[in-house]
Protein backbone atom coordinates (compact mmCIF):
# COMPACT_ATOMS: atom_id res chain seq x y z
CA MET A 1 23.68 170.97 4.91
CA ASN A 2 26.53 168.85 5.94
CA ALA A 3 25.29 169.60 9.45
CA LEU A 4 21.50 168.22 8.65
CA PHE A 5 23.45 165.29 6.67
CA ASP A 6 25.96 164.53 9.96
CA LEU A 7 22.67 164.50 12.42
CA LEU A 8 20.71 162.01 10.08
CA ILE A 9 23.39 159.38 9.63
CA SER A 10 25.68 158.55 12.26
CA PRO A 11 29.13 157.49 12.04
CA ALA A 12 28.88 153.75 12.93
CA ASN A 13 25.78 153.43 10.45
CA ALA A 14 28.73 154.89 8.07
CA GLN A 15 31.44 152.44 8.72
CA ALA A 16 28.94 149.61 8.58
CA ALA A 17 28.69 150.17 4.56
CA PRO A 18 28.03 146.98 2.25
CA GLY A 19 30.60 145.21 0.03
CA PRO A 20 31.27 147.03 -3.44
CA PHE A 21 28.02 145.66 -4.85
CA GLY A 22 25.82 146.61 -2.24
CA PHE A 23 25.32 143.43 -1.09
CA ASP A 24 26.31 141.76 2.46
CA ILE A 25 26.71 137.71 3.12
CA MET A 26 26.05 138.65 6.85
CA SER A 27 22.56 139.34 6.35
CA LEU A 28 21.23 136.02 4.84
CA LEU A 29 22.15 134.53 7.73
CA PRO A 30 19.54 135.01 9.90
CA LEU A 31 17.29 133.60 7.10
CA VAL A 32 18.88 130.76 6.29
CA LEU A 33 18.79 130.00 10.53
CA ILE A 34 15.41 130.68 10.13
CA PHE A 35 14.68 128.10 7.09
CA ALA A 36 16.57 125.56 9.22
CA VAL A 37 14.67 125.50 11.88
CA PHE A 38 11.54 125.71 10.06
CA TYR A 39 13.03 122.44 8.48
CA PHE A 40 13.98 120.66 11.12
CA PHE A 41 10.89 121.09 13.65
CA LEU A 42 8.02 121.79 11.26
CA ILE A 43 8.97 120.31 7.43
CA ARG A 44 10.49 117.29 8.62
CA PRO A 45 8.26 115.97 11.38
CA GLN A 46 5.55 116.30 9.33
CA GLN A 47 6.98 113.98 6.08
CA LYS A 48 7.92 111.51 8.18
CA LYS A 49 4.49 111.82 9.85
CA ALA A 50 2.79 111.31 6.16
CA GLN A 51 4.99 108.39 5.17
CA GLN A 52 4.23 106.42 7.94
CA GLN A 53 -0.04 107.01 7.38
CA LYS A 54 0.66 106.01 3.72
CA THR A 55 2.59 102.93 4.71
CA LEU A 56 0.20 102.42 7.55
CA LEU A 57 -2.75 102.86 4.89
CA SER A 58 -0.99 100.31 2.28
CA SER A 59 -1.21 97.61 4.68
CA LEU A 60 -4.80 97.57 5.98
CA LYS A 61 -5.89 93.93 5.47
CA ARG A 62 -9.09 92.13 6.74
CA GLY A 63 -9.80 91.48 10.70
CA ASP A 64 -7.94 94.63 11.37
CA ARG A 65 -9.45 97.21 14.36
CA VAL A 66 -9.36 100.71 12.93
CA LEU A 67 -10.30 104.07 14.00
CA THR A 68 -11.48 106.41 11.22
CA ASN A 69 -11.17 110.24 10.92
CA GLY A 70 -14.95 110.26 11.94
CA GLY A 71 -14.43 108.70 15.52
CA LEU A 72 -15.61 105.46 14.62
CA ILE A 73 -14.39 101.83 15.29
CA GLY A 74 -14.78 99.10 13.51
CA THR A 75 -13.16 96.01 12.02
CA ILE A 76 -12.24 95.62 8.32
CA SER A 77 -14.71 92.92 6.99
CA LYS A 78 -14.01 93.43 3.45
CA VAL A 79 -11.17 94.92 1.17
CA ILE A 80 -13.12 96.18 -1.49
CA ASN A 81 -10.30 97.56 -3.74
CA GLU A 82 -7.12 100.06 -3.38
CA GLN A 83 -9.78 102.90 -2.14
CA GLU A 84 -12.28 101.72 -0.03
CA LEU A 85 -12.88 99.31 2.27
CA GLU A 86 -15.86 97.67 4.43
CA VAL A 87 -15.83 98.30 8.30
CA GLU A 88 -18.44 96.56 10.67
CA ILE A 89 -18.77 99.21 13.46
CA ALA A 90 -21.65 97.08 15.45
CA ASP A 91 -22.80 93.27 14.77
CA GLY A 92 -24.95 93.35 11.48
CA VAL A 93 -24.08 96.93 11.01
CA LYS A 94 -21.36 97.00 7.67
CA VAL A 95 -20.25 101.02 6.00
CA ARG A 96 -18.15 101.68 3.48
CA ILE A 97 -15.19 104.04 3.81
CA ALA A 98 -12.62 105.84 1.75
CA ARG A 99 -9.02 104.39 2.69
CA PRO A 100 -7.56 107.61 3.78
CA MET A 101 -9.97 107.97 6.15
CA VAL A 102 -8.92 105.81 8.37
CA ALA A 103 -7.12 107.54 11.42
CA ASP A 104 -5.15 104.92 13.37
CA LEU A 105 -4.56 101.29 13.36
CA LEU A 106 -6.16 100.03 16.68
CA LEU A 107 -5.36 96.38 16.24
CA SER A 108 -3.56 94.20 13.72
CA THR A 109 -4.44 90.58 13.11
CA GLU A 110 -1.72 88.24 12.36
CA PRO A 111 -1.71 85.76 9.60
CA ALA A 112 -2.13 81.88 10.95
CA ARG A 113 0.95 80.04 10.06
CA GLU A 114 0.38 76.18 9.12
CA ALA A 115 3.45 75.42 11.13
CA GLU A 116 2.74 76.21 14.25
CA PRO A 117 -0.38 73.73 14.60
CA ARG A 118 1.56 70.98 13.03
CA LYS A 119 4.51 71.82 15.74
CA GLU A 120 1.70 71.49 18.48
CA LYS A 121 0.46 67.73 17.24
CA GLU A 122 4.12 66.60 16.99
CA THR A 123 4.74 67.76 20.52
CA MET A 124 1.62 65.85 21.91
CA THR A 125 2.73 62.86 19.92
CA LYS A 126 6.43 62.60 21.52
CA LEU A 127 4.98 63.92 24.69
CA SER A 128 2.47 60.51 24.56
CA SER A 129 4.95 58.31 23.31
CA ARG A 130 7.54 58.76 25.70
CA LYS A 131 7.76 56.34 28.73
CA THR A 132 6.87 57.22 31.78
CA VAL A 133 8.46 55.62 34.78
CA ALA A 134 6.91 56.34 38.44
CA PRO A 135 9.34 57.26 40.88
CA LYS A 136 10.46 54.64 43.43
CA THR A 137 9.00 55.25 46.91
CA THR A 138 11.16 53.91 49.78
CA ALA A 139 9.81 52.41 52.93
CA PRO A 140 10.36 53.80 55.88
CA LYS A 141 12.93 52.20 57.73
CA LYS A 142 11.96 50.27 61.34
CA LYS A 143 13.31 50.81 64.22
CA SER A 144 15.12 48.22 65.95
CA SER A 145 14.55 47.66 69.43
CA LYS A 146 16.98 46.03 71.67
């Protein structure tokens, strides 16, 4: 019987016996490494992408050009409420879509600023009030012949 036991269990396996309670901390190391790889390559990037999409959806406004999940490209003509948008996909063709169905923002409109046109007017006024001086021209000298 002892010979059969020696054949089934090699001396190398017998020496690598676990600790006193049958648990070895090194056996958890591969599981920890696999979880770390999954976290950094799958879970974390997916969380960042979800956060960016949430920020995108909350910043949508009238006049933005968007791409929907269905592949339609249109311009937001009206923000109905927090869940719905009215998008113009062709001249005179408006559809209502759910806000989460917006896949990407293609072109964002900037809000018009009041100060810029005033600056342009002020600059034009300043330019027109300046006195212009014509450059002096000198007549060519005549060569004296002697």
